[in-house]
C-alpha atoms as a PDB file:
ATOM      1  CA  MET A   1      -0.016   0.016   0.007  1.00  0.00           C
ATOM      2  CA  SER A   2       1.256   3.478  -0.824  1.00  0.00           C
ATOM      3  CA  THR A   3       2.193   5.629   2.149  1.00  0.00           C
ATOM      4  CA  PRO A   4      -0.223   8.589   2.529  1.00  0.00           C
ATOM      5  CA  PHE A   5       1.210  12.123   2.722  1.00  0.00           C
ATOM      6  CA  PRO A   6      -1.583  14.536   3.754  1.00  0.00           C
ATOM      7  CA  HIS A   7       0.037  17.681   2.352  1.00  0.00           C
ATOM      8  CA  TYR A   8       0.028  16.163  -1.178  1.00  0.00           C
ATOM      9  CA  GLN A   9      -3.723  15.763  -0.949  1.00  0.00           C
ATOM     10  CA  GLN A  10      -3.965  19.536  -1.038  1.00  0.00           C
ATOM     11  CA  ASN A  11      -2.783  19.418  -4.654  1.00  0.00           C
ATOM     12  CA  THR A  12      -5.126  20.225  -7.553  1.00  0.00           C
ATOM     13  CA  ARG A  13      -4.719  19.498 -11.241  1.00  0.00           C
ATOM     14  CA  THR A  14      -6.199  21.077 -14.327  1.00  0.00           C
ATOM     15  CA  ARG A  15      -5.877  19.610 -17.799  1.00  0.00           C
ATOM     16  CA  TYR A  16      -6.354  21.163 -21.182  1.00  0.00           C
ATOM     17  CA  SER A  17      -6.463  19.536 -24.603  1.00  0.00           C
ATOM     18  CA  LEU A  18      -4.050  20.724 -27.284  1.00  0.00           C
ATOM     19  CA  ASP A  19      -3.788  19.861 -30.928  1.00  0.00           C
ATOM     20  CA  ASN A  20      -0.436  21.199 -32.121  1.00  0.00           C
ATOM     21  CA  GLY A  21       0.056  19.007 -35.132  1.00  0.00           C
ATOM     22  CA  GLY A  22       3.080  17.422 -33.502  1.00  0.00           C
ATOM     23  CA  LYS A  23       5.221  20.506 -33.943  1.00  0.00           C
ATOM     24  CA  SER A  24       7.910  21.311 -31.471  1.00  0.00           C
ATOM     25  CA  LEU A  25       7.062  24.193 -29.191  1.00  0.00           C
ATOM     26  CA  SER A  26       9.302  27.064 -28.186  1.00  0.00           C
ATOM     27  CA  ASN A  27       9.682  27.986 -24.529  1.00  0.00           C
ATOM     28  CA  ARG A  28       7.488  30.982 -25.095  1.00  0.00           C
ATOM     29  CA  ALA A  29       4.736  29.031 -26.856  1.00  0.00           C
ATOM     30  CA  ALA A  30       4.729  26.402 -24.150  1.00  0.00           C
ATOM     31  CA  PHE A  31       4.570  29.041 -21.366  1.00  0.00           C
ATOM     32  CA  ILE A  32       1.656  30.810 -23.030  1.00  0.00           C
ATOM     33  CA  LEU A  33      -0.309  27.638 -23.274  1.00  0.00           C
ATOM     34  CA  ALA A  34       0.366  26.887 -19.596  1.00  0.00           C
ATOM     35  CA  TRP A  35      -0.166  30.429 -18.297  1.00  0.00           C
ATOM     36  CA  ALA A  36      -3.928  30.172 -17.530  1.00  0.00           C
ATOM     37  CA  GLY A  37      -3.407  26.993 -15.505  1.00  0.00           C
ATOM     38  CA  LEU A  38      -0.362  28.399 -13.644  1.00  0.00           C
ATOM     39  CA  ARG A  39      -2.173  31.617 -12.863  1.00  0.00           C
ATOM     40  CA  ARG A  40      -5.216  29.679 -11.570  1.00  0.00           C
ATOM     41  CA  GLN A  41      -3.096  27.603  -9.221  1.00  0.00           C
ATOM     42  CA  LEU A  42      -1.026  30.517  -7.885  1.00  0.00           C
ATOM     43  CA  ILE A  43      -3.687  33.270  -7.617  1.00  0.00           C
ATOM     44  CA  GLU A  44      -7.058  31.654  -7.322  1.00  0.00           C
ATOM     45  CA  ALA A  45      -6.059  28.480  -5.457  1.00  0.00           C
ATOM     46  CA  ARG A  46      -3.244  30.411  -3.630  1.00  0.00           C
ATOM     47  CA  ARG A  47      -0.692  27.620  -4.049  1.00  0.00           C
ATOM     48  CA  ASP A  48       2.934  28.435  -3.211  1.00  0.00           C
ATOM     49  CA  PHE A  49       4.360  26.710  -6.314  1.00  0.00           C
ATOM     50  CA  ALA A  50       2.735  25.763  -9.572  1.00  0.00           C
ATOM     51  CA  PHE A  51       3.958  23.442 -12.293  1.00  0.00           C
ATOM     52  CA  ALA A  52       2.850  22.718 -15.810  1.00  0.00           C
ATOM     53  CA  ALA A  53       3.797  20.022 -18.280  1.00  0.00           C
ATOM     54  CA  VAL A  54       3.060  20.999 -21.865  1.00  0.00           C
ATOM     55  CA  SER A  55       3.063  18.387 -24.649  1.00  0.00           C
ATOM     56  CA  SER A  56       3.764  19.130 -28.301  1.00  0.00           C
ATOM     57  CA  GLU A  57       2.089  15.895 -29.388  1.00  0.00           C
ATOM     58  CA  GLY A  58      -1.532  16.388 -28.543  1.00  0.00           C
ATOM     59  CA  HIS A  59      -1.469  15.321 -24.864  1.00  0.00           C
ATOM     60  CA  GLY A  60      -2.306  18.787 -23.724  1.00  0.00           C
ATOM     61  CA  VAL A  61      -1.317  20.763 -20.657  1.00  0.00           C
ATOM     62  CA  THR A  62      -1.398  19.436 -17.122  1.00  0.00           C
ATOM     63  CA  CYS A  63      -1.015  21.746 -14.192  1.00  0.00           C
ATOM     64  CA  LEU A  64      -0.257  21.026 -10.537  1.00  0.00           C
ATOM     65  CA  GLY A  65      -0.228  23.463  -7.558  1.00  0.00           C
ATOM     66  CA  VAL A  66       1.289  22.723  -4.142  1.00  0.00           C
ATOM     67  CA  ARG A  67       1.420  24.296  -0.778  1.00  0.00           C
ATOM     68  CA  HIS A  68       4.905  24.147   0.828  1.00  0.00           C
ATOM     69  CA  SER A  69       6.254  24.449   4.345  1.00  0.00           C
ATOM     70  CA  PRO A  70       9.603  26.276   4.298  1.00  0.00           C
ATOM     71  CA  HIS A  71      11.077  24.022   6.974  1.00  0.00           C
ATOM     72  CA  LYS A  72      12.183  21.226   4.603  1.00  0.00           C
ATOM     73  CA  PRO A  73      12.332  20.410   0.899  1.00  0.00           C
ATOM     74  CA  MET A  74       9.258  18.863  -0.789  1.00  0.00           C
ATOM     75  CA  ASP A  75       9.805  16.189  -3.419  1.00  0.00           C
ATOM     76  CA  LEU A  76       7.123  15.572  -6.028  1.00  0.00           C
ATOM     77  CA  ILE A  77       7.325  12.691  -8.486  1.00  0.00           C
ATOM     78  CA  LEU A  78       6.248  13.126 -12.104  1.00  0.00           C
ATOM     79  CA  GLY A  79       5.429  10.098 -14.189  1.00  0.00           C
ATOM     80  CA  ARG A  80       2.725   7.700 -15.477  1.00  0.00           C
ATOM     81  CA  HIS A  81       2.388   5.588 -12.332  1.00  0.00           C
ATOM     82  CA  GLU A  82      -0.734   5.992 -10.238  1.00  0.00           C
ATOM     83  CA  SER A  83       1.411   6.640  -7.185  1.00  0.00           C
ATOM     84  CA  CYS A  84       3.019   9.801  -8.714  1.00  0.00           C
ATOM     85  CA  ASP A  85       2.035  13.242  -7.442  1.00  0.00           C
ATOM     86  CA  PHE A  86       2.116  14.705 -10.981  1.00  0.00           C
ATOM     87  CA  GLN A  87       0.593  12.170 -13.373  1.00  0.00           C
ATOM     88  CA  LEU A  88       1.057  12.371 -17.173  1.00  0.00           C
ATOM     89  CA  LEU A  89      -1.250   9.775 -18.553  1.00  0.00           C
ATOM     90  CA  GLY A  90      -1.585   8.467 -22.057  1.00  0.00           C
ATOM     91  CA  ASP A  91       1.986   9.103 -23.256  1.00  0.00           C
ATOM     92  CA  LEU A  92       4.101   5.970 -23.256  1.00  0.00           C
ATOM     93  CA  SER A  93       7.232   8.011 -23.854  1.00  0.00           C
ATOM     94  CA  ILE A  94       6.902   9.105 -20.176  1.00  0.00           C
ATOM     95  CA  ALA A  95       8.393   6.659 -17.724  1.00  0.00           C
ATOM     96  CA  LEU A  96       6.315   5.348 -14.816  1.00  0.00           C
ATOM     97  CA  ARG A  97       8.569   7.482 -12.633  1.00  0.00           C
ATOM     98  CA  GLN A  98      10.206  10.108 -14.806  1.00  0.00           C
ATOM     99  CA  LEU A  99      11.316  13.097 -12.746  1.00  0.00           C
ATOM    100  CA  ILE A 100      11.711  14.440  -9.244  1.00  0.00           C
ATOM    101  CA  ILE A 101      10.492  18.014  -8.807  1.00  0.00           C
ATOM    102  CA  ARG A 102      12.092  19.427  -5.644  1.00  0.00           C
ATOM    103  CA  VAL A 103      10.957  22.676  -4.085  1.00  0.00           C
ATOM    104  CA  SER A 104      12.498  24.444  -1.090  1.00  0.00           C
ATOM    105  CA  SER A 105      12.763  27.740   0.692  1.00  0.00           C
ATOM    106  CA  LEU A 106      15.463  26.895   3.152  1.00  0.00           C
ATOM    107  CA  GLU A 107      17.284  30.178   2.556  1.00  0.00           C
ATOM    108  CA  GLN A 108      14.191  32.319   2.239  1.00  0.00           C
ATOM    109  CA  LEU A 109      14.506  32.036  -1.540  1.00  0.00           C
ATOM    110  CA  PRO A 110      12.107  29.825  -3.509  1.00  0.00           C
ATOM    111  CA  PHE A 111      14.232  27.172  -5.122  1.00  0.00           C
ATOM    112  CA  ILE A 112      13.223  24.614  -7.717  1.00  0.00           C
ATOM    113  CA  GLN A 113      15.197  21.606  -8.867  1.00  0.00           C
ATOM    114  CA  LEU A 114      14.416  18.915 -11.474  1.00  0.00           C
ATOM    115  CA  ILE A 115      16.148  15.549 -11.281  1.00  0.00           C
ATOM    116  CA  ASP A 116      15.821  13.131 -14.205  1.00  0.00           C
ATOM    117  CA  LEU A 117      15.462   9.481 -13.061  1.00  0.00           C
ATOM    118  CA  ARG A 118      17.857   8.292 -15.789  1.00  0.00           C
ATOM    119  CA  THR A 119      15.102   8.006 -18.306  1.00  0.00           C
ATOM    120  CA  SER A 120      15.457   7.467 -22.065  1.00  0.00           C
ATOM    121  CA  SER A 121      14.031  10.887 -22.952  1.00  0.00           C
ATOM    122  CA  GLY A 122      16.252  12.647 -20.482  1.00  0.00           C
ATOM    123  CA  LEU A 123      16.216  16.307 -19.371  1.00  0.00           C
ATOM    124  CA  ALA A 124      17.458  19.526 -20.928  1.00  0.00           C
ATOM    125  CA  ASP A 125      17.703  23.075 -19.668  1.00  0.00           C
ATOM    126  CA  GLU A 126      16.021  26.171 -21.145  1.00  0.00           C
ATOM    127  CA  GLN A 127      18.729  26.349 -23.816  1.00  0.00           C
ATOM    128  CA  GLY A 128      18.279  22.699 -24.831  1.00  0.00           C
ATOM    129  CA  ALA A 129      21.543  21.466 -23.180  1.00  0.00           C
ATOM    130  CA  PRO A 130      21.206  17.899 -21.833  1.00  0.00           C
ATOM    131  CA  CYS A 131      21.675  17.546 -18.055  1.00  0.00           C
ATOM    132  CA  ALA A 132      20.931  15.081 -15.308  1.00  0.00           C
ATOM    133  CA  THR A 133      19.623  17.764 -12.892  1.00  0.00           C
ATOM    134  CA  ILE A 134      18.812  21.432 -13.216  1.00  0.00           C
ATOM    135  CA  SER A 135      17.957  24.025 -10.520  1.00  0.00           C
ATOM    136  CA  SER A 136      16.934  27.632 -10.427  1.00  0.00           C
ATOM    137  CA  HIS A 137      15.583  30.319  -8.091  1.00  0.00           C
ATOM    138  CA  GLY A 138      11.944  31.217  -8.352  1.00  0.00           C
ATOM    139  CA  ALA A 139      11.091  29.794 -11.777  1.00  0.00           C
ATOM    140  CA  ILE A 140      12.296  27.104 -14.127  1.00  0.00           C
ATOM    141  CA  ILE A 141      11.720  25.994 -17.742  1.00  0.00           C
ATOM    142  CA  ALA A 142      13.090  22.700 -18.970  1.00  0.00           C
ATOM    143  CA  ARG A 143      12.481  20.115 -21.661  1.00  0.00           C
ATOM    144  CA  MET A 144      11.705  16.479 -21.141  1.00  0.00           C
ATOM    145  CA  GLY A 145      11.506  14.737 -24.507  1.00  0.00           C
ATOM    146  CA  LYS A 146       8.426  16.125 -26.293  1.00  0.00           C
ATOM    147  CA  TRP A 147       7.342  17.934 -23.129  1.00  0.00           C
ATOM    148  CA  HIS A 148       8.162  21.274 -21.550  1.00  0.00           C
ATOM    149  CA  VAL A 149       8.162  21.413 -17.730  1.00  0.00           C
ATOM    150  CA  ILE A 150       7.548  24.878 -16.311  1.00  0.00           C
ATOM    151  CA  GLY A 151       7.563  25.830 -12.632  1.00  0.00           C
ATOM    152  CA  MET A 152       7.226  29.062 -10.717  1.00  0.00           C
ATOM    153  CA  HIS A 153       6.694  30.550  -7.247  1.00  0.00           C
ATOM    154  CA  ARG A 154       3.714  32.660  -6.409  1.00  0.00           C
ATOM    155  CA  ALA A 155       5.928  35.706  -5.662  1.00  0.00           C
ATOM    156  CA  LEU A 156       6.621  36.011  -9.379  1.00  0.00           C
ATOM    157  CA  VAL A 157       2.996  36.349 -10.422  1.00  0.00           C
ATOM    158  CA  ASN A 158       1.521  39.727 -11.365  1.00  0.00           C
ATOM    159  CA  PRO A 159      -2.287  39.268 -11.770  1.00  0.00           C
ATOM    160  CA  SER A 160      -2.472  42.026 -14.364  1.00  0.00           C
ATOM    161  CA  HIS A 161       0.086  40.460 -16.683  1.00  0.00           C
ATOM    162  CA  SER A 162      -0.846  38.894 -20.006  1.00  0.00           C
ATOM    163  CA  ALA A 163       0.756  35.598 -20.913  1.00  0.00           C
ATOM    164  CA  ASP A 164       3.471  37.339 -22.967  1.00  0.00           C
ATOM    165  CA  GLU A 165       4.218  39.852 -20.161  1.00  0.00           C
ATOM    166  CA  ALA A 166       4.336  36.970 -17.622  1.00  0.00           C
ATOM    167  CA  PHE A 167       6.757  35.034 -19.826  1.00  0.00           C
ATOM    168  CA  GLU A 168       9.131  38.071 -20.095  1.00  0.00           C
ATOM    169  CA  SER A 169       8.949  38.550 -16.278  1.00  0.00           C
ATOM    170  CA  VAL A 170       9.482  34.863 -15.499  1.00  0.00           C
ATOM    171  CA  THR A 171      12.353  34.292 -17.947  1.00  0.00           C
ATOM    172  CA  ALA A 172      14.223  37.160 -16.288  1.00  0.00           C
ATOM    173  CA  HIS A 173      14.330  34.963 -13.230  1.00  0.00           C
ATOM    174  CA  VAL A 174      15.087  31.673 -15.035  1.00  0.00           C
ATOM    175  CA  SER A 175      18.783  31.071 -14.764  1.00  0.00           C
ATOM    176  CA  SER A 176      20.193  27.636 -14.171  1.00  0.00           C
ATOM    177  CA  VAL A 177      22.058  28.215 -10.899  1.00  0.00           C
ATOM    178  CA  GLY A 178      23.153  24.615 -10.970  1.00  0.00           C
ATOM    179  CA  SER A 179      23.171  21.667 -13.291  1.00  0.00           C
ATOM    180  CA  VAL A 180      24.954  18.351 -13.423  1.00  0.00           C
ATOM    181  CA  SER A 181      26.040  16.784 -16.760  1.00  0.00           C
ATOM    182  CA  VAL A 182      24.538  13.558 -17.934  1.00  0.00           C
ATOM    183  CA  ALA A 183      28.070  12.238 -18.499  1.00  0.00           C
ATOM    184  CA  ALA A 184      28.497  11.241 -14.869  1.00  0.00           C
ATOM    185  CA  ASN A 185      29.785   7.691 -14.530  1.00  0.00           C
ATOM    186  CA  SER A 186      27.635   5.047 -12.861  1.00  0.00           C
ATOM    187  CA  ARG A 187      29.306   2.576 -10.516  1.00  0.00           C
ATOM    188  CA  ARG A 188      27.945  -0.918 -10.985  1.00  0.00           C
ATOM    189  CA  PRO A 189      27.571  -2.975  -7.772  1.00  0.00           C
ATOM    190  CA  SER A 190      29.547  -5.925  -6.643  1.00  0.00           C
ATOM    191  CA  VAL A 191      27.633  -8.784  -4.991  1.00  0.00           C
ATOM    192  CA  ARG A 192      29.309 -10.848  -2.247  1.00  0.00           C
ATOM    193  CA  PRO A 193      28.057 -13.476   0.181  1.00  0.00           C
ATOM    194  CA  ARG A 194      27.134 -11.915   3.505  1.00  0.00           C
ATOM    195  CA  LEU A 195      30.051 -13.222   5.538  1.00  0.00           C
ATOM    196  CA  VAL A 196      32.567 -12.033   2.978  1.00  0.00           C
ATOM    197  CA  LEU A 197      30.905  -8.641   2.856  1.00  0.00           C
ATOM    198  CA  VAL A 198      30.836  -8.191   6.617  1.00  0.00           C
ATOM    199  CA  ASP A 199      34.353  -9.520   7.247  1.00  0.00           C
ATOM    200  CA  THR A 200      36.286  -7.860   4.425  1.00  0.00           C
ATOM    201  CA  MET A 201      34.316  -5.719   2.054  1.00  0.00           C
ATOM    202  CA  LEU A 202      32.785  -3.502   4.732  1.00  0.00           C
ATOM    203  CA  GLY A 203      36.245  -2.706   5.924  1.00  0.00           C
ATOM    204  CA  ASP A 204      37.254  -1.899   2.304  1.00  0.00           C
ATOM    205  CA  CYS A 205      34.193   0.332   1.957  1.00  0.00           C
ATOM    206  CA  ARG A 206      35.396   2.467   4.835  1.00  0.00           C
ATOM    207  CA  THR A 207      39.109   2.506   4.125  1.00  0.00           C
ATOM    208  CA  GLN A 208      38.805   3.231   0.311  1.00  0.00           C
ATOM    209  CA  LEU A 209      36.664   6.342   0.720  1.00  0.00           C
ATOM    210  CA  SER A 210      37.676   9.972   0.613  1.00  0.00           C
ATOM    211  CA  PRO A 211      36.661  11.785   3.854  1.00  0.00           C
ATOM    212  CA  VAL A 212      34.786  15.113   3.505  1.00  0.00           C
ATOM    213  CA  VAL A 213      35.818  17.937   5.737  1.00  0.00           C
ATOM    214  CA  GLY A 214      32.665  19.285   7.426  1.00  0.00           C
ATOM    215  CA  THR A 215      29.090  18.463   6.300  1.00  0.00           C
ATOM    216  CA  LEU A 216      28.619  16.493   3.084  1.00  0.00           C
ATOM    217  CA  THR A 217      26.902  18.986   0.752  1.00  0.00           C
ATOM    218  CA  LEU A 218      27.144  19.811  -2.934  1.00  0.00           C
ATOM    219  CA  ASN A 219      29.213  22.955  -2.087  1.00  0.00           C
ATOM    220  CA  ASN A 220      31.683  20.946  -0.061  1.00  0.00           C
ATOM    221  CA  VAL A 221      32.782  18.348  -2.640  1.00  0.00           C
ATOM    222  CA  ASP A 222      34.551  18.224  -6.038  1.00  0.00           C
ATOM    223  CA  LEU A 223      32.150  16.950  -8.638  1.00  0.00           C
ATOM    224  CA  ASP A 224      35.079  15.964 -10.901  1.00  0.00           C
ATOM    225  CA  SER A 225      36.641  13.797  -8.243  1.00  0.00           C
ATOM    226  CA  GLU A 226      36.609   9.988  -8.738  1.00  0.00           C
ATOM    227  CA  ASP A 227      37.057   9.389  -5.024  1.00  0.00           C
ATOM    228  CA  ALA A 228      34.025   7.894  -3.290  1.00  0.00           C
ATOM    229  CA  VAL A 229      32.532   9.781  -0.365  1.00  0.00           C
ATOM    230  CA  GLY A 230      30.436   6.902   0.868  1.00  0.00           C
ATOM    231  CA  SER A 231      29.156   3.394   0.258  1.00  0.00           C
ATOM    232  CA  LEU A 232      25.670   2.024  -0.130  1.00  0.00           C
ATOM    233  CA  ILE A 233      24.902  -1.498   0.890  1.00  0.00           C
ATOM    234  CA  LEU A 234      21.734  -3.414   0.151  1.00  0.00           C
ATOM    235  CA  GLU A 235      21.175  -6.264   2.589  1.00  0.00           C
ATOM    236  CA  HIS A 236      18.805  -9.026   1.623  1.00  0.00           C
ATOM    237  CA  SER A 237      18.338 -12.700   2.720  1.00  0.00           C
ATOM    238  CA  SER A 238      19.618 -13.960  -0.624  1.00  0.00           C
ATOM    239  CA  GLY A 239      22.746 -11.733  -0.854  1.00  0.00           C
ATOM    240  CA  ASP A 240      24.271  -8.294  -0.317  1.00  0.00           C
ATOM    241  CA  THR A 241      25.193  -5.626  -2.863  1.00  0.00           C
ATOM    242  CA  CYS A 242      27.679  -2.834  -2.266  1.00  0.00           C
ATOM    243  CA  VAL A 243      28.627   0.169  -4.409  1.00  0.00           C
ATOM    244  CA  ARG A 244      30.938   3.104  -3.650  1.00  0.00           C
ATOM    245  CA  LEU A 245      29.466   6.463  -4.644  1.00  0.00           C
ATOM    246  CA  THR A 246      31.288   9.594  -5.847  1.00  0.00           C
ATOM    247  CA  PRO A 247      30.068  13.157  -5.498  1.00  0.00           C
ATOM    248  CA  SER A 248      28.802  13.215  -9.134  1.00  0.00           C
ATOM    249  CA  ASP A 249      26.929   9.879  -8.599  1.00  0.00           C
ATOM    250  CA  LEU A 250      25.050  11.479  -5.702  1.00  0.00           C
ATOM    251  CA  ALA A 251      24.570  14.845  -7.375  1.00  0.00           C
ATOM    252  CA  CYS A 252      22.873  13.079 -10.331  1.00  0.00           C
ATOM    253  CA  GLY A 253      20.715  10.982  -7.970  1.00  0.00           C
ATOM    254  CA  ALA A 254      21.780   7.445  -7.182  1.00  0.00           C
ATOM    255  CA  LEU A 255      18.808   5.161  -7.843  1.00  0.00           C
ATOM    256  CA  ILE A 256      17.738   1.942  -6.080  1.00  0.00           C
ATOM    257  CA  GLY A 257      15.090  -0.222  -7.762  1.00  0.00           C
ATOM    258  CA  ARG A 258      14.332  -3.220 -10.006  1.00  0.00           C
ATOM    259  CA  TYR A 259      15.241  -1.392 -13.291  1.00  0.00           C
ATOM    260  CA  MET A 260      18.749  -1.955 -14.634  1.00  0.00           C
ATOM    261  CA  ARG A 261      19.046   1.755 -15.107  1.00  0.00           C
ATOM    262  CA  CYS A 262      19.373   2.009 -11.374  1.00  0.00           C
ATOM    263  CA  GLN A 263      22.954   1.943  -9.973  1.00  0.00           C
ATOM    264  CA  LEU A 264      21.770  -0.600  -7.425  1.00  0.00           C
ATOM    265  CA  PRO A 265      19.251  -2.887  -9.169  1.00  0.00           C
ATOM    266  CA  ALA A 266      17.423  -4.923  -6.565  1.00  0.00           C
ATOM    267  CA  LEU A 267      17.451  -8.288  -8.324  1.00  0.00           C
ATOM    268  CA  LEU A 268      18.075 -10.575  -5.369  1.00  0.00           C
ATOM    269  CA  GLY A 269      14.923 -12.763  -5.155  1.00  0.00           C
ATOM    270  CA  GLU A 270      11.250 -13.175  -5.973  1.00  0.00           C
ATOM    271  CA  ASP A 271      10.107 -11.107  -2.979  1.00  0.00           C
ATOM    272  CA  CYS A 272      11.994  -8.164  -4.493  1.00  0.00           C
ATOM    273  CA  ASN A 273       8.992  -7.705  -6.750  1.00  0.00           C
ATOM    274  CA  SER A 274       7.502  -5.700  -3.940  1.00  0.00           C
ATOM    275  CA  ILE A 275      10.277  -3.167  -4.600  1.00  0.00           C
ATOM    276  CA  SER A 276       9.309  -0.668  -7.312  1.00  0.00           C
ATOM    277  CA  ARG A 277      11.173  -0.405 -10.583  1.00  0.00           C
ATOM    278  CA  VAL A 278      12.636   2.901  -9.291  1.00  0.00           C
ATOM    279  CA  HIS A 279      12.101   2.925  -5.572  1.00  0.00           C
ATOM    280  CA  LEU A 280      14.549   5.237  -3.822  1.00  0.00           C
ATOM    281  CA  CYS A 281      16.915   8.075  -4.825  1.00  0.00           C
ATOM    282  CA  LEU A 282      19.978   9.315  -2.929  1.00  0.00           C
ATOM    283  CA  LEU A 283      20.449  12.964  -3.844  1.00  0.00           C
ATOM    284  CA  LEU A 284      23.238  15.340  -2.825  1.00  0.00           C
ATOM    285  CA  ASP A 285      22.361  19.074  -2.872  1.00  0.00           C
ATOM    286  CA  GLU A 286      23.515  22.316  -1.286  1.00  0.00           C
ATOM    287  CA  HIS A 287      21.926  21.360   2.019  1.00  0.00           C
ATOM    288  CA  GLY A 288      23.054  17.767   2.436  1.00  0.00           C
ATOM    289  CA  LEU A 289      22.442  14.180   1.359  1.00  0.00           C
ATOM    290  CA  TRP A 290      18.773  13.101   1.051  1.00  0.00           C
ATOM    291  CA  ALA A 291      16.973   9.805   0.675  1.00  0.00           C
ATOM    292  CA  ILE A 292      13.837  10.329  -1.502  1.00  0.00           C
ATOM    293  CA  ASP A 293      11.137   7.673  -1.881  1.00  0.00           C
ATOM    294  CA  VAL A 294      10.238   7.947  -5.567  1.00  0.00           C
ATOM    295  CA  ALA A 295       6.440   7.408  -5.147  1.00  0.00           C
ATOM    296  CA  SER A 296       7.095   3.701  -4.500  1.00  0.00           C
ATOM    297  CA  LYS A 297       4.234   1.290  -4.204  1.00  0.00           C
ATOM    298  CA  ASN A 298       5.245  -0.228  -0.806  1.00  0.00           C
ATOM    299  CA  GLY A 299       7.152   2.688   0.759  1.00  0.00           C
ATOM    300  CA  SER A 300      10.415   3.377   2.433  1.00  0.00           C
ATOM    301  CA  TRP A 301      10.966   3.376   6.209  1.00  0.00           C
ATOM    302  CA  VAL A 302      13.419   4.653   8.887  1.00  0.00           C
ATOM    303  CA  ASN A 303      13.000   3.413  12.474  1.00  0.00           C
ATOM    304  CA  ASP A 304       9.620   1.899  11.535  1.00  0.00           C
ATOM    305  CA  HIS A 305       8.350   5.289  10.247  1.00  0.00           C
ATOM    306  CA  PRO A 306       7.490   5.896   6.577  1.00  0.00           C
ATOM    307  CA  PHE A 307       9.106   8.830   4.780  1.00  0.00           C
ATOM    308  CA  ARG A 308       9.089  10.613   1.463  1.00  0.00           C
ATOM    309  CA  THR A 309      12.124  12.835   2.065  1.00  0.00           C
ATOM    310  CA  LEU A 310      14.802  12.136   4.674  1.00  0.00           C
ATOM    311  CA  ARG A 311      18.088  13.849   5.251  1.00  0.00           C
ATOM    312  CA  LEU A 312      20.921  11.371   5.946  1.00  0.00           C
ATOM    313  CA  VAL A 313      23.295  12.547   8.710  1.00  0.00           C
ATOM    314  CA  GLY A 314      25.972   9.973   9.387  1.00  0.00           C
ATOM    315  CA  ALA A 315      25.569   6.174   8.940  1.00  0.00           C
ATOM    316  CA  THR A 316      21.923   5.376   8.420  1.00  0.00           C
ATOM    317  CA  SER A 317      19.863   2.196   7.935  1.00  0.00           C
ATOM    318  CA  LEU A 318      16.637   2.310   5.873  1.00  0.00           C
ATOM    319  CA  SER A 319      14.077  -0.284   4.943  1.00  0.00           C
ATOM    320  CA  ILE A 320      12.456  -0.406   1.507  1.00  0.00           C
ATOM    321  CA  ALA A 321       9.227  -2.356   0.998  1.00  0.00           C
ATOM    322  CA  ASN A 322       9.956  -4.168   4.257  1.00  0.00           C
ATOM    323  CA  VAL A 323      12.057  -6.687   2.362  1.00  0.00           C
ATOM    324  CA  MET A 324      15.461  -5.002   2.080  1.00  0.00           C
ATOM    325  CA  THR A 325      17.731  -2.959   4.232  1.00  0.00           C
ATOM    326  CA  VAL A 326      19.645  -0.076   2.712  1.00  0.00           C
ATOM    327  CA  ARG A 327      22.739   1.089   4.645  1.00  0.00           C
ATOM    328  CA  TRP A 328      24.526   4.362   3.891  1.00  0.00           C
ATOM    329  CA  ILE A 329      28.132   4.378   5.137  1.00  0.00           C
ATOM    330  CA  PRO A 330      29.784   7.831   4.773  1.00  0.00           C
ATOM    331  CA  ALA A 331      33.543   8.396   4.705  1.00  0.00           C
ATOM    332  CA  PHE A 332      35.031   8.822   8.177  1.00  0.00           C
END
């Protein structure tokens, strides 16, 4: 059963049909099509953030508005799966779990980040440059295959603006303050019997890491470094998996799930079918290292409590779908 999150039930969606003849849309054209829905969410429904996904292939415009507490980031999952917060139905080019939309106001500035879940269509910034993640203050425009993803904070809305005026105002704020290249290398796991892992490999995991001075954050690491800053271990009755993760692995989002596109594919037994194809993401940002449940079907847990977003401070043990233990071991 999916874990309920009451603040997500405050979301509202509006959909509009669009017949564009399959032509590619410019950023301006996509924004103009989305403006009525964005405006409705931000002004009439008084949401803090609003997002729109605009298709150039007849799937229309889908808008989502959210209320956000400034005390911690909020992670929304976009995809075709029924567990996703932002559902794009009817387009098979969209993965079941396509994208993480992260919003925060931890420094009194509205901040939006998009994280591609290593999908085939990928993610590109407002200039069309491919990237694994993209972030911006206040507003964001990105491309996701044949879709545009647009997000903005309520502070940027002027009720008197036309769609064209709103686009000019918003694009003045759209600047990719951070992005991570899609070229980041993925470490594949090594699988060892449990006794070997505990007796020897766990020691190797600790001794072959590069310690970070201070708190592990995106601002405190070298993204070009090949030195691992921590290890991730999956413990299961049929075997254990271990992979060392570099700063760029974590900045791109290290994925755990049954899909082989995940750095740690959970292919250890029949009961792993209760683990979602993409179940959990470990993400490093400017504020720390986070474990994000990617709208999984059977949830993620820490100390017997379900979570959607959890900051990892020091060594941490998590449970996913109640069949596998995930251990994060940072460099000492």
